[in-house]
C-alpha cells in the first residue's frame, strides 16, 4: 500500500532510527525488522489526521492574525 504522505528516503531513515531508539529506551525491546513496517502503518493510518490538524492549526493562526490587520488602517485626518 502506498503511503498517503511522501517522505524522503533520508527522512524515512531518520524516523525509523527514532522509532528504534524509542523502543530501546522506553520499551527495552529491539524492533529491528518491525520499525519500517511500523512507520508505514503510522503514515498510512494517521497521515490524513496529522495533515488535517496542521490545516486546522494554520487556519486558526491565520484567522486570529488577520484580525490584527485592522489595526494598521490609516485615517485621513478624521
Protein backbone atom coordinates (compact mmCIF):
# COMPACT_ATOMS: atom_id res chain seq x y z
CA UNK A 1 0.00 0.00 0.00
CA UNK A 2 1.35 3.43 -0.96
CA UNK A 3 1.83 5.95 1.84
CA UNK A 4 -0.67 8.78 1.90
CA UNK A 5 2.19 11.18 2.53
CA UNK A 6 5.51 11.39 0.76
CA UNK A 7 8.59 11.01 2.97
CA UNK A 8 12.08 11.42 1.54
CA UNK A 9 14.32 8.39 1.95
CA UNK A 10 16.64 10.37 4.24
CA UNK A 11 13.73 11.48 6.47
CA UNK A 12 12.31 7.96 6.40
CA UNK A 13 15.59 6.53 7.70
CA UNK A 14 15.73 9.23 10.40
CA UNK A 15 12.19 8.35 11.50
CA UNK A 16 12.97 4.62 11.54
CA UNK A 17 16.03 5.27 13.72
CA UNK A 18 13.88 7.40 16.04
CA UNK A 19 11.32 4.60 16.35
CA UNK A 20 14.06 2.07 17.11
CA UNK A 21 15.61 4.38 19.72
CA UNK A 22 12.22 4.96 21.35
CA UNK A 23 11.51 1.26 21.71
CA UNK A 24 15.00 0.55 23.03
CA UNK A 25 14.78 3.36 25.59
CA UNK A 26 11.12 3.26 26.61
CA UNK A 27 10.18 -0.35 25.98
CA UNK A 28 13.59 -2.01 26.36
CA UNK A 29 12.99 -4.09 23.26
CA UNK A 30 14.59 -4.20 19.83
CA UNK A 31 12.22 -3.94 16.88
CA UNK A 32 14.89 -4.05 14.18
CA UNK A 33 12.75 -5.56 11.43
CA UNK A 34 9.48 -4.08 12.59
CA UNK A 35 10.41 -0.39 12.63
CA UNK A 36 9.97 0.12 8.87
CA UNK A 37 6.57 -1.57 8.94
CA UNK A 38 5.60 0.46 11.99
CA UNK A 39 6.49 3.70 10.20
CA UNK A 40 4.43 2.62 7.17
CA UNK A 41 1.50 1.78 9.45
CA UNK A 42 1.66 5.15 11.22
CA UNK A 43 1.95 7.04 7.92
CA UNK A 44 -0.91 5.11 6.31
CA UNK A 45 -3.20 5.23 9.33
CA UNK A 46 -2.63 8.74 10.67
CA UNK A 47 -1.20 10.91 7.87
CA UNK A 48 -4.58 12.40 7.00
CA UNK A 49 -5.31 13.19 10.65
CA UNK A 50 -1.92 14.89 11.09
CA UNK A 51 -2.37 16.81 7.85
CA UNK A 52 -5.89 17.93 8.73
CA UNK A 53 -4.74 19.07 12.17
CA UNK A 54 -1.98 21.10 10.51
CA UNK A 55 -4.51 22.70 8.16
CA UNK A 56 -6.83 23.49 11.08
CA UNK A 57 -3.99 24.94 13.18
CA UNK A 58 -2.81 27.06 10.23
CA UNK A 59 -6.35 28.31 9.58
CA UNK A 60 -6.81 29.22 13.23
CA UNK A 61 -3.43 31.03 13.34
CA UNK A 62 -4.08 32.99 10.14
CA UNK A 63 -7.65 33.78 11.15
CA UNK A 64 -6.52 35.17 14.51
CA UNK A 65 -3.70 37.19 12.91
CA UNK A 66 -5.87 38.56 10.10
CA UNK A 67 -7.95 40.39 12.71
CA UNK A 68 -4.76 42.26 13.61
CA UNK A 69 -4.72 43.71 10.09
CA UNK A 70 -7.50 46.11 11.02
CA UNK A 71 -5.08 47.72 13.45
CA UNK A 72 -2.98 49.13 10.61
CA UNK A 73 -5.80 51.07 8.96
CA UNK A 74 -4.81 54.69 8.41
CA UNK A 75 -7.31 57.50 8.65
CA UNK A 76 -7.15 60.70 6.68
CA UNK A 77 -7.41 63.36 9.40
CA UNK A 78 -10.63 62.04 10.86
